[in-house]
Amino acid sequence: MSIVGRMLRENLFRPEGVPTFERKLFFEGERRRPYLEQFGVLLFLASLIATMGVLGDSTATVIGAMIVAPLMTPIMATAAALVTDVQQATGRPVVVELEVVSSQRQLAGGGDRQTGR
C-alpha cells in the first residue's frame, strides 16, 4: 500500500469530528472576544509589516506580511458554513472579511489618490 493511499484512508472526515472542526472555525460566546482581539493585533502587525515592505521596496517583506495576516480563518469559516449549511454562522465571517477590507483601506491611506475615491 502506498503512503499516499494510507494517509488518505486514515485522515477521513468523520461525523464525530464535526464539533472539533466547528470549534476551530466558529468562535462563539466567551471565545469570540479573545479571538477578535488576537485577530485585530495580528492584522495591525501584518499591515505595519506590509507598509514597511512597500516603502522599502521589499517583496519578501510584503509576502511575510501576508503570512502573518490572520485572514485564512474567516475565509475557511465562510466556506465551511456554506458547505455545511450553518446559516447562522455564514454571515459572521463575511462581516469580518468586509471589516478587514475597510480597515486596511483606511490604514493604507483611503484609496486611489488619482481619482480621490
Protein backbone atom coordinates (compact mmCIF):
# COMPACT_ATOMS: atom_id res chain seq x y z
CA MET A 1 0.00 0.00 0.00
CA SER A 2 1.32 3.43 -0.90
CA ILE A 3 1.99 6.14 1.65
CA VAL A 4 -0.49 8.50 -0.03
CA GLY A 5 -3.24 5.86 0.00
CA ARG A 6 -2.69 5.17 3.67
CA MET A 7 -2.74 8.90 4.52
CA LEU A 8 -6.00 9.40 2.66
CA ARG A 9 -7.62 6.40 4.29
CA GLU A 10 -6.54 7.36 7.83
CA ASN A 11 -7.48 11.04 7.55
CA LEU A 12 -11.13 10.75 6.63
CA PHE A 13 -13.54 13.36 7.92
CA ARG A 14 -15.99 11.55 10.18
CA PRO A 15 -19.23 12.86 11.77
CA GLU A 16 -17.72 12.65 15.26
CA GLY A 17 -15.11 15.19 14.12
CA VAL A 18 -17.68 17.90 13.30
CA PRO A 19 -17.75 19.54 16.78
CA THR A 20 -13.95 19.84 16.81
CA PHE A 21 -14.00 21.22 13.27
CA GLU A 22 -16.65 23.81 14.19
CA ARG A 23 -14.79 24.79 17.38
CA LYS A 24 -11.69 25.58 15.33
CA LEU A 25 -13.53 27.77 12.81
CA PHE A 26 -16.51 29.35 14.58
CA PHE A 27 -15.86 31.49 17.64
CA GLU A 28 -18.97 31.99 19.76
CA GLY A 29 -19.72 33.13 23.29
CA GLU A 30 -16.78 33.84 25.57
CA ARG A 31 -14.32 32.60 22.92
CA ARG A 32 -15.30 35.38 20.48
CA ARG A 33 -13.71 38.39 22.22
CA PRO A 34 -10.20 36.88 22.70
CA TYR A 35 -10.28 35.68 19.08
CA LEU A 36 -11.21 39.13 17.78
CA GLU A 37 -8.54 40.79 19.94
CA GLN A 38 -5.87 38.42 18.63
CA PHE A 39 -7.21 38.88 15.10
CA GLY A 40 -7.01 42.67 15.38
CA VAL A 41 -3.47 42.67 16.75
CA LEU A 42 -2.20 40.28 14.06
CA LEU A 43 -3.97 42.27 11.35
CA PHE A 44 -2.46 45.53 12.58
CA LEU A 45 1.02 43.99 12.69
CA ALA A 46 0.56 42.49 9.22
CA SER A 47 -0.46 45.87 7.80
CA LEU A 48 2.51 47.52 9.50
CA ILE A 49 4.89 44.90 8.06
CA ALA A 50 3.32 45.25 4.61
CA THR A 51 3.63 49.04 4.74
CA MET A 52 7.30 48.80 5.65
CA GLY A 53 7.78 46.28 2.84
CA VAL A 54 6.15 48.54 0.28
CA LEU A 55 8.07 51.61 1.46
CA GLY A 56 11.32 49.64 1.42
CA ASP A 57 10.50 48.06 -1.95
CA SER A 58 10.91 44.58 -0.42
CA THR A 59 8.79 41.86 -1.97
CA ALA A 60 9.88 39.34 0.66
CA THR A 61 8.66 41.60 3.47
CA VAL A 62 5.26 42.03 1.82
CA ILE A 63 4.97 38.26 1.44
CA GLY A 64 5.91 37.93 5.11
CA ALA A 65 3.05 40.28 5.96
CA MET A 66 0.68 38.02 4.03
CA ILE A 67 1.84 35.08 6.13
CA VAL A 68 1.29 36.99 9.40
CA ALA A 69 -2.19 38.19 8.36
CA PRO A 70 -4.89 36.04 10.01
CA LEU A 71 -7.25 36.10 7.05
CA MET A 72 -7.45 32.38 6.35
CA THR A 73 -9.70 31.54 9.31
CA PRO A 74 -12.61 33.82 8.25
CA ILE A 75 -12.30 32.61 4.65
CA MET A 76 -12.35 28.95 5.73
CA ALA A 77 -15.20 29.63 8.16
CA THR A 78 -17.27 31.18 5.37
CA ALA A 79 -16.64 28.20 3.11
CA ALA A 80 -17.39 25.72 5.90
CA ALA A 81 -20.60 27.49 6.85
CA LEU A 82 -21.77 27.48 3.23
CA VAL A 83 -20.87 23.84 2.66
CA THR A 84 -22.34 22.54 5.93
CA ASP A 85 -25.39 24.84 5.67
CA VAL A 86 -24.80 26.50 9.04
CA GLN A 87 -26.85 29.55 8.14
CA GLN A 88 -26.45 31.42 11.44
CA ALA A 89 -22.65 31.28 11.07
CA THR A 90 -22.43 32.18 7.37
CA GLY A 91 -22.72 35.94 7.76
CA ARG A 92 -20.28 36.49 10.62
CA PRO A 93 -17.05 35.58 8.80
CA VAL A 94 -18.18 37.58 5.77
CA VAL A 95 -18.73 40.63 8.00
CA VAL A 96 -15.24 40.17 9.48
CA GLU A 97 -13.74 39.99 5.99
CA LEU A 98 -15.56 43.16 4.89
CA GLU A 99 -14.45 44.98 8.04
CA VAL A 100 -10.86 43.92 7.32
CA VAL A 101 -11.03 45.32 3.80
CA SER A 102 -12.48 48.58 5.09
CA SER A 103 -9.97 48.99 7.92
CA GLN A 104 -7.00 48.13 5.72
CA ARG A 105 -8.14 50.64 3.15
CA GLN A 106 -8.29 53.30 5.86
CA LEU A 107 -4.85 52.34 7.20
CA ALA A 108 -3.39 52.42 3.70
CA GLY A 109 -4.45 56.00 3.12
CA GLY A 110 -8.02 55.91 1.97
CA GLY A 111 -7.94 54.73 -1.59
CA ASP A 112 -6.90 55.79 -5.05
CA ARG A 113 -5.10 59.13 -4.92
CA GLN A 114 -5.67 59.91 -8.61
CA THR A 115 -9.46 59.54 -8.63
CA GLY A 116 -9.99 60.54 -4.99
CA ARG A 117 -12.21 57.52 -4.27
